[in-house]
Amino acid sequence: MGEEQHDQRLADYRSSIDNIDAALVHLLAERFKITKAVGRYKKEADLAPADPGREEIQLARLRGLAEESGLDPVFTEKFLRFIVAEVIHHHQRIAEGEQL
């Protein structure tokens, strides 16, 4: 395989990665838009910012999906715990009266 073909192949891979990264950013933005609405609802309903029971159910469900998809479940759990921690932080800020 010539260098030119190799460079085009790498460029094609990178283009796909760039598209996936853009989709991930858009999905995260949509997710956080919804979770901020949940935070506002929790404040109105006087509910706690965190729901450990739901979090554990979700993590278990998503670990299973990761395994089915061939994605490292340990990585998946770390990633999701990071997202959940940020969501809880947003909910706490909303509960304290911040406008997010």
C-alpha atoms as a PDB file:
ATOM      1  CA  MET A   1       0.000   0.000   0.000  1.00  0.00           C
ATOM      2  CA  GLY A   2       1.472   3.335  -1.034  1.00  0.00           C
ATOM      3  CA  GLU A   3       1.980   6.217   1.362  1.00  0.00           C
ATOM      4  CA  GLU A   4      -0.724   8.247  -0.384  1.00  0.00           C
ATOM      5  CA  GLN A   5      -3.296   5.452   0.090  1.00  0.00           C
ATOM      6  CA  HIS A   6      -2.216   5.020   3.700  1.00  0.00           C
ATOM      7  CA  ASP A   7      -2.615   8.753   4.408  1.00  0.00           C
ATOM      8  CA  GLN A   8      -6.087   8.761   2.813  1.00  0.00           C
ATOM      9  CA  ARG A   9      -7.108   5.773   4.903  1.00  0.00           C
ATOM     10  CA  LEU A  10      -5.940   7.520   8.068  1.00  0.00           C
ATOM     11  CA  ALA A  11      -7.724  10.703   7.000  1.00  0.00           C
ATOM     12  CA  ASP A  12     -10.926   8.714   6.468  1.00  0.00           C
ATOM     13  CA  TYR A  13     -10.651   7.141   9.928  1.00  0.00           C
ATOM     14  CA  ARG A  14     -10.029  10.531  11.480  1.00  0.00           C
ATOM     15  CA  SER A  15     -12.971  12.045   9.640  1.00  0.00           C
ATOM     16  CA  SER A  16     -15.234   9.347  11.078  1.00  0.00           C
ATOM     17  CA  ILE A  17     -13.820   9.933  14.561  1.00  0.00           C
ATOM     18  CA  ASP A  18     -14.440  13.672  14.169  1.00  0.00           C
ATOM     19  CA  ASN A  19     -18.064  13.007  13.194  1.00  0.00           C
ATOM     20  CA  ILE A  20     -18.562  10.698  16.174  1.00  0.00           C
ATOM     21  CA  ASP A  21     -16.981  13.247  18.529  1.00  0.00           C
ATOM     22  CA  ALA A  22     -19.356  15.923  17.220  1.00  0.00           C
ATOM     23  CA  ALA A  23     -22.326  13.601  17.764  1.00  0.00           C
ATOM     24  CA  LEU A  24     -21.144  12.861  21.316  1.00  0.00           C
ATOM     25  CA  VAL A  25     -20.930  16.579  22.105  1.00  0.00           C
ATOM     26  CA  HIS A  26     -24.429  17.158  20.746  1.00  0.00           C
ATOM     27  CA  LEU A  27     -25.808  14.180  22.677  1.00  0.00           C
ATOM     28  CA  LEU A  28     -24.187  15.373  25.905  1.00  0.00           C
ATOM     29  CA  ALA A  29     -25.559  18.877  25.349  1.00  0.00           C
ATOM     30  CA  GLU A  30     -29.068  17.457  24.903  1.00  0.00           C
ATOM     31  CA  ARG A  31     -28.666  15.214  27.945  1.00  0.00           C
ATOM     32  CA  PHE A  32     -27.581  18.113  30.147  1.00  0.00           C
ATOM     33  CA  LYS A  33     -30.425  20.285  28.842  1.00  0.00           C
ATOM     34  CA  ILE A  34     -32.857  17.624  30.034  1.00  0.00           C
ATOM     35  CA  THR A  35     -31.113  16.964  33.346  1.00  0.00           C
ATOM     36  CA  LYS A  36     -31.131  20.686  34.124  1.00  0.00           C
ATOM     37  CA  ALA A  37     -34.905  20.629  33.577  1.00  0.00           C
ATOM     38  CA  VAL A  38     -35.045  17.676  35.982  1.00  0.00           C
ATOM     39  CA  GLY A  39     -33.046  19.735  38.498  1.00  0.00           C
ATOM     40  CA  ARG A  40     -35.518  22.606  38.226  1.00  0.00           C
ATOM     41  CA  TYR A  41     -38.409  20.166  38.682  1.00  0.00           C
ATOM     42  CA  LYS A  42     -36.725  18.616  41.735  1.00  0.00           C
ATOM     43  CA  LYS A  43     -36.373  22.075  43.257  1.00  0.00           C
ATOM     44  CA  GLU A  44     -40.061  22.872  42.626  1.00  0.00           C
ATOM     45  CA  ALA A  45     -41.120  19.485  44.043  1.00  0.00           C
ATOM     46  CA  ASP A  46     -38.690  19.784  46.970  1.00  0.00           C
ATOM     47  CA  LEU A  47     -36.863  16.591  45.989  1.00  0.00           C
ATOM     48  CA  ALA A  48     -33.227  15.783  46.765  1.00  0.00           C
ATOM     49  CA  PRO A  49     -30.671  16.681  44.079  1.00  0.00           C
ATOM     50  CA  ALA A  50     -29.311  13.098  44.045  1.00  0.00           C
ATOM     51  CA  ASP A  51     -31.118   9.780  43.758  1.00  0.00           C
ATOM     52  CA  PRO A  52     -28.535   7.081  44.623  1.00  0.00           C
ATOM     53  CA  GLY A  53     -30.977   4.231  44.005  1.00  0.00           C
ATOM     54  CA  ARG A  54     -31.715   5.347  40.452  1.00  0.00           C
ATOM     55  CA  GLU A  55     -28.047   6.048  39.811  1.00  0.00           C
ATOM     56  CA  GLU A  56     -27.047   2.493  40.737  1.00  0.00           C
ATOM     57  CA  ILE A  57     -29.853   0.990  38.629  1.00  0.00           C
ATOM     58  CA  GLN A  58     -28.789   3.105  35.660  1.00  0.00           C
ATOM     59  CA  LEU A  59     -25.107   2.252  36.098  1.00  0.00           C
ATOM     60  CA  ALA A  60     -25.896  -1.467  36.218  1.00  0.00           C
ATOM     61  CA  ARG A  61     -28.104  -1.203  33.132  1.00  0.00           C
ATOM     62  CA  LEU A  62     -25.475   0.743  31.204  1.00  0.00           C
ATOM     63  CA  ARG A  63     -22.654  -1.595  32.282  1.00  0.00           C
ATOM     64  CA  GLY A  64     -24.711  -4.408  30.736  1.00  0.00           C
ATOM     65  CA  LEU A  65     -25.190  -2.438  27.542  1.00  0.00           C
ATOM     66  CA  ALA A  66     -21.455  -1.736  27.427  1.00  0.00           C
ATOM     67  CA  GLU A  67     -20.659  -5.440  27.734  1.00  0.00           C
ATOM     68  CA  GLU A  68     -23.169  -6.298  24.988  1.00  0.00           C
ATOM     69  CA  SER A  69     -21.591  -3.630  22.767  1.00  0.00           C
ATOM     70  CA  GLY A  70     -18.013  -4.720  23.323  1.00  0.00           C
ATOM     71  CA  LEU A  71     -17.153  -1.590  25.299  1.00  0.00           C
ATOM     72  CA  ASP A  72     -15.068  -1.867  28.459  1.00  0.00           C
ATOM     73  CA  PRO A  73     -17.630  -1.789  31.318  1.00  0.00           C
ATOM     74  CA  VAL A  74     -15.055  -0.341  33.739  1.00  0.00           C
ATOM     75  CA  PHE A  75     -14.413   2.590  31.392  1.00  0.00           C
ATOM     76  CA  THR A  76     -18.151   2.979  30.842  1.00  0.00           C
ATOM     77  CA  GLU A  77     -18.854   3.114  34.563  1.00  0.00           C
ATOM     78  CA  LYS A  78     -16.102   5.703  35.146  1.00  0.00           C
ATOM     79  CA  PHE A  79     -17.438   7.834  32.295  1.00  0.00           C
ATOM     80  CA  LEU A  80     -21.031   7.598  33.516  1.00  0.00           C
ATOM     81  CA  ARG A  81     -20.094   8.304  37.135  1.00  0.00           C
ATOM     82  CA  PHE A  82     -18.354  11.449  35.889  1.00  0.00           C
ATOM     83  CA  ILE A  83     -21.517  12.529  34.050  1.00  0.00           C
ATOM     84  CA  VAL A  84     -23.769  11.690  37.015  1.00  0.00           C
ATOM     85  CA  ALA A  85     -21.501  13.667  39.371  1.00  0.00           C
ATOM     86  CA  GLU A  86     -21.777  16.689  37.081  1.00  0.00           C
ATOM     87  CA  VAL A  87     -25.574  16.310  36.900  1.00  0.00           C
ATOM     88  CA  ILE A  88     -25.799  16.155  40.709  1.00  0.00           C
ATOM     89  CA  HIS A  89     -23.589  19.238  40.922  1.00  0.00           C
ATOM     90  CA  HIS A  90     -25.985  21.057  38.574  1.00  0.00           C
ATOM     91  CA  HIS A  91     -28.982  19.905  40.627  1.00  0.00           C
ATOM     92  CA  GLN A  92     -27.343  21.155  43.833  1.00  0.00           C
ATOM     93  CA  ARG A  93     -26.639  24.530  42.247  1.00  0.00           C
ATOM     94  CA  ILE A  94     -30.238  24.759  41.037  1.00  0.00           C
ATOM     95  CA  ALA A  95     -31.509  23.765  44.500  1.00  0.00           C
ATOM     96  CA  GLU A  96     -29.441  26.629  45.941  1.00  0.00           C
ATOM     97  CA  GLY A  97     -31.168  29.063  43.599  1.00  0.00           C
ATOM     98  CA  GLU A  98     -28.675  29.374  40.737  1.00  0.00           C
ATOM     99  CA  GLN A  99     -30.088  29.784  37.265  1.00  0.00           C
ATOM    100  CA  LEU A 100     -28.495  27.259  34.914  1.00  0.00           C
END
